[in-house]
Amino acid sequence: MKSVRQKWASHKTYRKIQKTWQDYTAVSEKSHDVQTVAQRLTIFLDTFDEAYREMIPQAELEESEISVERIYGDCSEIMTTLFSAVE
């Protein structure tokens, strides 16, 4: 069972990732400058990767199995946008 501290850390991580994603989508919709959009995407991906790496040790300490979906929820919107950006 997660402690209050772990739940708070998970919530802060979620909010941080959500904010960087919203920043990226706002810039990608308004800006036609590829460098600016790429920079915001890099910030989002770095934040996501950092948060994921921080969550893995916590998951290893717990006996229950943890998945990316459990940490971040439904990422289908993110993946769809990333794939369209790559095209």
PDB file of N, CA and C in Angstrom:
ATOM      1  N   MET A   1       0.840  -1.176   0.000  1.00  0.00           N
ATOM      2  CA  MET A   1       0.000   0.000   0.000  1.00  0.00           C
ATOM      3  C   MET A   1       0.890   1.246   0.000  1.00  0.00           C
ATOM      4  N   LYS A   2       0.490   2.215  -0.755  1.00  0.00           N
ATOM      5  CA  LYS A   2       1.286   3.434  -0.860  1.00  0.00           C
ATOM      6  C   LYS A   2       1.059   4.331   0.344  1.00  0.00           C
ATOM      7  N   SER A   3       2.142   4.962   0.764  1.00  0.00           N
ATOM      8  CA  SER A   3       2.029   5.932   1.844  1.00  0.00           C
ATOM      9  C   SER A   3       1.542   7.260   1.262  1.00  0.00           C
ATOM     10  N   VAL A   4       1.190   8.161   2.132  1.00  0.00           N
ATOM     11  CA  VAL A   4       0.731   9.486   1.700  1.00  0.00           C
ATOM     12  C   VAL A   4       1.846  10.197   0.941  1.00  0.00           C
ATOM     13  N   ARG A   5       3.060  10.036   1.384  1.00  0.00           N
ATOM     14  CA  ARG A   5       4.207  10.669   0.724  1.00  0.00           C
ATOM     15  C   ARG A   5       4.368  10.146  -0.707  1.00  0.00           C
ATOM     16  N   GLN A   6       4.221   8.834  -0.887  1.00  0.00           N
ATOM     17  CA  GLN A   6       4.336   8.253  -2.224  1.00  0.00           C
ATOM     18  C   GLN A   6       3.194   8.717  -3.128  1.00  0.00           C
ATOM     19  N   LYS A   7       1.997   8.790  -2.567  1.00  0.00           N
ATOM     20  CA  LYS A   7       0.856   9.265  -3.349  1.00  0.00           C
ATOM     21  C   LYS A   7       1.053  10.719  -3.765  1.00  0.00           C
ATOM     22  N   TRP A   8       1.574  11.530  -2.853  1.00  0.00           N
ATOM     23  CA  TRP A   8       1.819  12.939  -3.166  1.00  0.00           C
ATOM     24  C   TRP A   8       2.891  13.067  -4.248  1.00  0.00           C
ATOM     25  N   ALA A   9       3.942  12.260  -4.154  1.00  0.00           N
ATOM     26  CA  ALA A   9       4.993  12.283  -5.172  1.00  0.00           C
ATOM     27  C   ALA A   9       4.436  11.864  -6.532  1.00  0.00           C
ATOM     28  N   SER A  10       3.581  10.861  -6.546  1.00  0.00           N
ATOM     29  CA  SER A  10       2.954  10.425  -7.797  1.00  0.00           C
ATOM     30  C   SER A  10       2.078  11.529  -8.378  1.00  0.00           C
ATOM     31  N   HIS A  11       1.341  12.203  -7.523  1.00  0.00           N
ATOM     32  CA  HIS A  11       0.466  13.290  -7.979  1.00  0.00           C
ATOM     33  C   HIS A  11       1.292  14.445  -8.551  1.00  0.00           C
ATOM     34  N   LYS A  12       2.366  14.826  -7.864  1.00  0.00           N
ATOM     35  CA  LYS A  12       3.224  15.907  -8.356  1.00  0.00           C
ATOM     36  C   LYS A  12       3.840  15.535  -9.706  1.00  0.00           C
ATOM     37  N   THR A  13       4.263  14.289  -9.835  1.00  0.00           N
ATOM     38  CA  THR A  13       4.838  13.821 -11.089  1.00  0.00           C
ATOM     39  C   THR A  13       3.812  13.887 -12.207  1.00  0.00           C
ATOM     40  N   TYR A  14       2.612  13.434 -11.911  1.00  0.00           N
ATOM     41  CA  TYR A  14       1.526  13.478 -12.896  1.00  0.00           C
ATOM     42  C   TYR A  14       1.264  14.910 -13.347  1.00  0.00           C
ATOM     43  N   ARG A  15       1.177  15.827 -12.405  1.00  0.00           N
ATOM     44  CA  ARG A  15       0.897  17.231 -12.733  1.00  0.00           C
ATOM     45  C   ARG A  15       2.030  17.840 -13.576  1.00  0.00           C
ATOM     46  N   LYS A  16       3.265  17.508 -13.246  1.00  0.00           N
ATOM     47  CA  LYS A  16       4.408  18.042 -13.985  1.00  0.00           C
ATOM     48  C   LYS A  16       4.385  17.551 -15.435  1.00  0.00           C
ATOM     49  N   ILE A  17       4.127  16.261 -15.609  1.00  0.00           N
ATOM     50  CA  ILE A  17       4.070  15.696 -16.957  1.00  0.00           C
ATOM     51  C   ILE A  17       2.887  16.276 -17.722  1.00  0.00           C
ATOM     52  N   GLN A  18       1.769  16.404 -17.054  1.00  0.00           N
ATOM     53  CA  GLN A  18       0.581  16.972 -17.688  1.00  0.00           C
ATOM     54  C   GLN A  18       0.854  18.404 -18.148  1.00  0.00           C
ATOM     55  N   LYS A  19       1.535  19.194 -17.336  1.00  0.00           N
ATOM     56  CA  LYS A  19       1.836  20.589 -17.693  1.00  0.00           C
ATOM     57  C   LYS A  19       2.763  20.660 -18.903  1.00  0.00           C
ATOM     58  N   THR A  20       3.815  19.836 -18.916  1.00  0.00           N
ATOM     59  CA  THR A  20       4.735  19.875 -20.061  1.00  0.00           C
ATOM     60  C   THR A  20       4.036  19.403 -21.335  1.00  0.00           C
ATOM     61  N   TRP A  21       3.108  18.450 -21.207  1.00  0.00           N
ATOM     62  CA  TRP A  21       2.344  18.004 -22.377  1.00  0.00           C
ATOM     63  C   TRP A  21       1.433  19.120 -22.883  1.00  0.00           C
ATOM     64  N   GLN A  22       0.768  19.806 -21.982  1.00  0.00           N
ATOM     65  CA  GLN A  22      -0.106  20.910 -22.381  1.00  0.00           C
ATOM     66  C   GLN A  22       0.693  22.035 -23.028  1.00  0.00           C
ATOM     67  N   ASP A  23       1.883  22.314 -22.501  1.00  0.00           N
ATOM     68  CA  ASP A  23       2.755  23.321 -23.116  1.00  0.00           C
ATOM     69  C   ASP A  23       3.109  22.917 -24.546  1.00  0.00           C
ATOM     70  N   TYR A  24       3.464  21.643 -24.717  1.00  0.00           N
ATOM     71  CA  TYR A  24       3.819  21.151 -26.050  1.00  0.00           C
ATOM     72  C   TYR A  24       2.641  21.272 -27.015  1.00  0.00           C
ATOM     73  N   THR A  25       1.460  20.816 -26.602  1.00  0.00           N
ATOM     74  CA  THR A  25       0.308  20.862 -27.511  1.00  0.00           C
ATOM     75  C   THR A  25      -0.079  22.297 -27.851  1.00  0.00           C
ATOM     76  N   ALA A  26       0.022  23.203 -26.881  1.00  0.00           N
ATOM     77  CA  ALA A  26      -0.299  24.609 -27.145  1.00  0.00           C
ATOM     78  C   ALA A  26       0.660  25.198 -28.172  1.00  0.00           C
ATOM     79  N   VAL A  27       1.946  24.917 -28.020  1.00  0.00           N
ATOM     80  CA  VAL A  27       2.942  25.444 -28.952  1.00  0.00           C
ATOM     81  C   VAL A  27       2.787  24.791 -30.323  1.00  0.00           C
ATOM     82  N   SER A  28       2.525  23.483 -30.352  1.00  0.00           N
ATOM     83  CA  SER A  28       2.420  22.797 -31.645  1.00  0.00           C
ATOM     84  C   SER A  28       1.207  23.262 -32.446  1.00  0.00           C
ATOM     85  N   GLU A  29       0.151  23.686 -31.768  1.00  0.00           N
ATOM     86  CA  GLU A  29      -1.035  24.177 -32.468  1.00  0.00           C
ATOM     87  C   GLU A  29      -0.851  25.603 -32.986  1.00  0.00           C
ATOM     88  N   LYS A  30      -0.101  26.417 -32.267  1.00  0.00           N
ATOM     89  CA  LYS A  30       0.026  27.837 -32.615  1.00  0.00           C
ATOM     90  C   LYS A  30       1.275  28.167 -33.428  1.00  0.00           C
ATOM     91  N   SER A  31       2.349  27.442 -33.184  1.00  0.00           N
ATOM     92  CA  SER A  31       3.629  27.800 -33.788  1.00  0.00           C
ATOM     93  C   SER A  31       3.902  26.973 -35.044  1.00  0.00           C
ATOM     94  N   HIS A  32       4.494  27.626 -36.018  1.00  0.00           N
ATOM     95  CA  HIS A  32       4.923  26.934 -37.229  1.00  0.00           C
ATOM     96  C   HIS A  32       6.440  26.769 -37.235  1.00  0.00           C
ATOM     97  N   ASP A  33       7.081  27.197 -36.163  1.00  0.00           N
ATOM     98  CA  ASP A  33       8.525  27.070 -36.024  1.00  0.00           C
ATOM     99  C   ASP A  33       8.852  25.661 -35.531  1.00  0.00           C
ATOM    100  N   VAL A  34       9.500  24.889 -36.375  1.00  0.00           N
ATOM    101  CA  VAL A  34       9.791  23.492 -36.060  1.00  0.00           C
ATOM    102  C   VAL A  34      10.721  23.380 -34.856  1.00  0.00           C
ATOM    103  N   GLN A  35      11.676  24.272 -34.729  1.00  0.00           N
ATOM    104  CA  GLN A  35      12.611  24.211 -33.606  1.00  0.00           C
ATOM    105  C   GLN A  35      11.906  24.415 -32.269  1.00  0.00           C
ATOM    106  N   THR A  36      10.974  25.326 -32.213  1.00  0.00           N
ATOM    107  CA  THR A  36      10.235  25.587 -30.978  1.00  0.00           C
ATOM    108  C   THR A  36       9.397  24.377 -30.593  1.00  0.00           C
ATOM    109  N   VAL A  37       8.711  23.807 -31.571  1.00  0.00           N
ATOM    110  CA  VAL A  37       7.885  22.627 -31.310  1.00  0.00           C
ATOM    111  C   VAL A  37       8.766  21.463 -30.873  1.00  0.00           C
ATOM    112  N   ALA A  38       9.883  21.265 -31.563  1.00  0.00           N
ATOM    113  CA  ALA A  38      10.798  20.178 -31.206  1.00  0.00           C
ATOM    114  C   ALA A  38      11.372  20.374 -29.807  1.00  0.00           C
ATOM    115  N   GLN A  39      11.659  21.614 -29.450  1.00  0.00           N
ATOM    116  CA  GLN A  39      12.184  21.904 -28.116  1.00  0.00           C
ATOM    117  C   GLN A  39      11.157  21.546 -27.041  1.00  0.00           C
ATOM    118  N   ARG A  40       9.903  21.921 -27.249  1.00  0.00           N
ATOM    119  CA  ARG A  40       8.849  21.590 -26.272  1.00  0.00           C
ATOM    120  C   ARG A  40       8.628  20.081 -26.194  1.00  0.00           C
ATOM    121  N   LEU A  41       8.710  19.406 -27.333  1.00  0.00           N
ATOM    122  CA  LEU A  41       8.561  17.953 -27.332  1.00  0.00           C
ATOM    123  C   LEU A  41       9.708  17.298 -26.574  1.00  0.00           C
ATOM    124  N   THR A  42      10.913  17.802 -26.763  1.00  0.00           N
ATOM    125  CA  THR A  42      12.071  17.275 -26.043  1.00  0.00           C
ATOM    126  C   THR A  42      11.919  17.483 -24.542  1.00  0.00           C
ATOM    127  N   ILE A  43      11.434  18.635 -24.139  1.00  0.00           N
ATOM    128  CA  ILE A  43      11.203  18.900 -22.715  1.00  0.00           C
ATOM    129  C   ILE A  43      10.201  17.901 -22.153  1.00  0.00           C
ATOM    130  N   PHE A  44       9.102  17.675 -22.885  1.00  0.00           N
ATOM    131  CA  PHE A  44       8.099  16.712 -22.429  1.00  0.00           C
ATOM    132  C   PHE A  44       8.694  15.311 -22.316  1.00  0.00           C
ATOM    133  N   LEU A  45       9.401  14.869 -23.354  1.00  0.00           N
ATOM    134  CA  LEU A  45       9.956  13.514 -23.341  1.00  0.00           C
ATOM    135  C   LEU A  45      10.998  13.339 -22.242  1.00  0.00           C
ATOM    136  N   ASP A  46      11.820  14.350 -22.015  1.00  0.00           N
ATOM    137  CA  ASP A  46      12.803  14.282 -20.930  1.00  0.00           C
ATOM    138  C   ASP A  46      12.120  14.202 -19.572  1.00  0.00           C
ATOM    139  N   THR A  47      11.074  14.990 -19.382  1.00  0.00           N
ATOM    140  CA  THR A  47      10.324  14.966 -18.128  1.00  0.00           C
ATOM    141  C   THR A  47       9.677  13.605 -17.918  1.00  0.00           C
ATOM    142  N   PHE A  48       9.082  13.067 -18.973  1.00  0.00           N
ATOM    143  CA  PHE A  48       8.444  11.756 -18.903  1.00  0.00           C
ATOM    144  C   PHE A  48       9.466  10.679 -18.558  1.00  0.00           C
ATOM    145  N   ASP A  49      10.608  10.697 -19.252  1.00  0.00           N
ATOM    146  CA  ASP A  49      11.652   9.699 -19.022  1.00  0.00           C
ATOM    147  C   ASP A  49      12.202   9.794 -17.604  1.00  0.00           C
ATOM    148  N   GLU A  50      12.456  10.999 -17.139  1.00  0.00           N
ATOM    149  CA  GLU A  50      12.966  11.210 -15.783  1.00  0.00           C
ATOM    150  C   GLU A  50      11.977  10.690 -14.737  1.00  0.00           C
ATOM    151  N   ALA A  51      10.715  10.998 -14.932  1.00  0.00           N
ATOM    152  CA  ALA A  51       9.685  10.545 -13.990  1.00  0.00           C
ATOM    153  C   ALA A  51       9.566   9.029 -14.004  1.00  0.00           C
ATOM    154  N   TYR A  52       9.644   8.444 -15.175  1.00  0.00           N
ATOM    155  CA  TYR A  52       9.555   6.984 -15.281  1.00  0.00           C
ATOM    156  C   TYR A  52      10.722   6.325 -14.553  1.00  0.00           C
ATOM    157  N   ARG A  53      11.911   6.863 -14.744  1.00  0.00           N
ATOM    158  CA  ARG A  53      13.090   6.290 -14.074  1.00  0.00           C
ATOM    159  C   ARG A  53      13.016   6.452 -12.553  1.00  0.00           C
ATOM    160  N   GLU A  54      12.403   7.522 -12.092  1.00  0.00           N
ATOM    161  CA  GLU A  54      12.236   7.712 -10.652  1.00  0.00           C
ATOM    162  C   GLU A  54      11.207   6.746 -10.077  1.00  0.00           C
ATOM    163  N   MET A  55      10.197   6.402 -10.861  1.00  0.00           N
ATOM    164  CA  MET A  55       9.139   5.526 -10.378  1.00  0.00           C
ATOM    165  C   MET A  55       9.572   4.062 -10.347  1.00  0.00           C
ATOM    166  N   ILE A  56      10.503   3.663 -11.192  1.00  0.00           N
ATOM    167  CA  ILE A  56      10.941   2.263 -11.244  1.00  0.00           C
ATOM    168  C   ILE A  56      11.527   1.798  -9.910  1.00  0.00           C
ATOM    169  N   PRO A  57      12.459   2.525  -9.282  1.00  0.00           N
ATOM    170  CA  PRO A  57      12.971   2.049  -7.991  1.00  0.00           C
ATOM    171  C   PRO A  57      11.878   1.912  -6.933  1.00  0.00           C
ATOM    172  N   GLN A  58      10.909   2.806  -6.922  1.00  0.00           N
ATOM    173  CA  GLN A  58       9.809   2.690  -5.973  1.00  0.00           C
ATOM    174  C   GLN A  58       9.018   1.424  -6.247  1.00  0.00           C
ATOM    175  N   ALA A  59       8.849   1.091  -7.501  1.00  0.00           N
ATOM    176  CA  ALA A  59       8.096  -0.109  -7.859  1.00  0.00           C
ATOM    177  C   ALA A  59       8.862  -1.359  -7.453  1.00  0.00           C
ATOM    178  N   GLU A  60      10.181  -1.321  -7.560  1.00  0.00           N
ATOM    179  CA  GLU A  60      10.978  -2.481  -7.184  1.00  0.00           C
ATOM    180  C   GLU A  60      10.941  -2.710  -5.681  1.00  0.00           C
ATOM    181  N   LEU A  61      10.777  -1.653  -4.908  1.00  0.00           N
ATOM    182  CA  LEU A  61      10.684  -1.805  -3.464  1.00  0.00           C
ATOM    183  C   LEU A  61       9.364  -2.448  -3.056  1.00  0.00           C
ATOM    184  N   GLU A  62       8.332  -2.180  -3.830  1.00  0.00           N
ATOM    185  CA  GLU A  62       7.039  -2.785  -3.552  1.00  0.00           C
ATOM    186  C   GLU A  62       7.021  -4.187  -4.143  1.00  0.00           C
ATOM    187  N   GLU A  63       6.222  -5.042  -3.571  1.00  0.00           N
ATOM    188  CA  GLU A  63       6.137  -6.398  -4.084  1.00  0.00           C
ATOM    189  C   GLU A  63       5.175  -6.509  -5.254  1.00  0.00           C
ATOM    190  N   SER A  64       4.302  -5.547  -5.403  1.00  0.00           N
ATOM    191  CA  SER A  64       3.341  -5.602  -6.504  1.00  0.00           C
ATOM    192  C   SER A  64       3.996  -5.159  -7.802  1.00  0.00           C
ATOM    193  N   GLU A  65       3.474  -5.691  -8.902  1.00  0.00           N
ATOM    194  CA  GLU A  65       3.982  -5.325 -10.217  1.00  0.00           C
ATOM    195  C   GLU A  65       3.386  -3.984 -10.632  1.00  0.00           C
ATOM    196  N   ILE A  66       4.191  -3.160 -11.299  1.00  0.00           N
ATOM    197  CA  ILE A  66       3.723  -1.839 -11.706  1.00  0.00           C
ATOM    198  C   ILE A  66       3.897  -1.698 -13.215  1.00  0.00           C
ATOM    199  N   SER A  67       2.996  -1.007 -13.850  1.00  0.00           N
ATOM    200  CA  SER A  67       3.072  -0.815 -15.294  1.00  0.00           C
ATOM    201  C   SER A  67       3.075   0.675 -15.615  1.00  0.00           C
ATOM    202  N   VAL A  68       3.488   0.991 -16.833  1.00  0.00           N
ATOM    203  CA  VAL A  68       3.509   2.387 -17.266  1.00  0.00           C
ATOM    204  C   VAL A  68       2.093   2.948 -17.257  1.00  0.00           C
ATOM    205  N   GLU A  69       1.116   2.149 -17.692  1.00  0.00           N
ATOM    206  CA  GLU A  69      -0.265   2.624 -17.716  1.00  0.00           C
ATOM    207  C   GLU A  69      -0.750   2.961 -16.315  1.00  0.00           C
ATOM    208  N   ARG A  70      -0.336   2.187 -15.346  1.00  0.00           N
ATOM    209  CA  ARG A  70      -0.752   2.451 -13.973  1.00  0.00           C
ATOM    210  C   ARG A  70      -0.171   3.770 -13.473  1.00  0.00           C
ATOM    211  N   ILE A  71       1.026   4.107 -13.910  1.00  0.00           N
ATOM    212  CA  ILE A  71       1.672   5.347 -13.475  1.00  0.00           C
ATOM    213  C   ILE A  71       1.079   6.546 -14.198  1.00  0.00           C
ATOM    214  N   TYR A  72       0.961   6.454 -15.506  1.00  0.00           N
ATOM    215  CA  TYR A  72       0.620   7.619 -16.314  1.00  0.00           C
ATOM    216  C   TYR A  72      -0.795   7.612 -16.884  1.00  0.00           C
ATOM    217  N   GLY A  73      -1.511   6.532 -16.742  1.00  0.00           N
ATOM    218  CA  GLY A  73      -2.869   6.472 -17.270  1.00  0.00           C
ATOM    219  C   GLY A  73      -2.874   6.250 -18.770  1.00  0.00           C
ATOM    220  N   ASP A  74      -3.918   6.653 -19.414  1.00  0.00           N
ATOM    221  CA  ASP A  74      -4.084   6.448 -20.848  1.00  0.00           C
ATOM    222  C   ASP A  74      -3.260   7.475 -21.615  1.00  0.00           C
ATOM    223  N   CYS A  75      -2.283   6.997 -22.359  1.00  0.00           N
ATOM    224  CA  CYS A  75      -1.394   7.883 -23.116  1.00  0.00           C
ATOM    225  C   CYS A  75      -1.712   7.852 -24.607  1.00  0.00           C
ATOM    226  N   SER A  76      -2.894   7.383 -24.987  1.00  0.00           N
ATOM    227  CA  SER A  76      -3.206   7.253 -26.409  1.00  0.00           C
ATOM    228  C   SER A  76      -3.174   8.601 -27.124  1.00  0.00           C
ATOM    229  N   GLU A  77      -3.639   9.660 -26.471  1.00  0.00           N
ATOM    230  CA  GLU A  77      -3.609  10.988 -27.086  1.00  0.00           C
ATOM    231  C   GLU A  77      -2.168  11.426 -27.331  1.00  0.00           C
ATOM    232  N   ILE A  78      -1.316  11.162 -26.371  1.00  0.00           N
ATOM    233  CA  ILE A  78       0.093  11.529 -26.500  1.00  0.00           C
ATOM    234  C   ILE A  78       0.730  10.766 -27.652  1.00  0.00           C
ATOM    235  N   MET A  79       0.504   9.458 -27.710  1.00  0.00           N
ATOM    236  CA  MET A  79       1.109   8.647 -28.759  1.00  0.00           C
ATOM    237  C   MET A  79       0.595   9.060 -30.143  1.00  0.00           C
ATOM    238  N   THR A  80      -0.679   9.331 -30.268  1.00  0.00           N
ATOM    239  CA  THR A  80      -1.244   9.763 -31.547  1.00  0.00           C
ATOM    240  C   THR A  80      -0.599  11.064 -32.008  1.00  0.00           C
ATOM    241  N   THR A  81      -0.435  11.997 -31.101  1.00  0.00           N
ATOM    242  CA  THR A  81       0.187  13.273 -31.446  1.00  0.00           C
ATOM    243  C   THR A  81       1.659  13.090 -31.810  1.00  0.00           C
ATOM    244  N   LEU A  82       2.356  12.237 -31.064  1.00  0.00           N
ATOM    245  CA  LEU A  82       3.764  11.986 -31.372  1.00  0.00           C
ATOM    246  C   LEU A  82       3.918  11.345 -32.747  1.00  0.00           C
ATOM    247  N   PHE A  83       3.069  10.378 -33.054  1.00  0.00           N
ATOM    248  CA  PHE A  83       3.151   9.731 -34.357  1.00  0.00           C
ATOM    249  C   PHE A  83       2.830  10.703 -35.488  1.00  0.00           C
ATOM    250  N   SER A  84       1.867  11.567 -35.284  1.00  0.00           N
ATOM    251  CA  SER A  84       1.546  12.548 -36.324  1.00  0.00           C
ATOM    252  C   SER A  84       2.672  13.566 -36.480  1.00  0.00           C
ATOM    253  N   ALA A  85       3.369  13.872 -35.388  1.00  0.00           N
ATOM    254  CA  ALA A  85       4.496  14.806 -35.469  1.00  0.00           C
ATOM    255  C   ALA A  85       5.666  14.183 -36.221  1.00  0.00           C
ATOM    256  N   VAL A  86       5.855  12.881 -36.059  1.00  0.00           N
ATOM    257  CA  VAL A  86       6.953  12.187 -36.727  1.00  0.00           C
ATOM    258  C   VAL A  86       6.698  12.085 -38.228  1.00  0.00           C
ATOM    259  N   GLU A  87       5.434  11.881 -38.588  1.00  0.00           N
ATOM    260  CA  GLU A  87       5.094  11.782 -40.016  1.00  0.00           C
ATOM    261  C   GLU A  87       5.426  13.079 -40.697  1.00  0.00           C
TER     262      GLU A  87
END
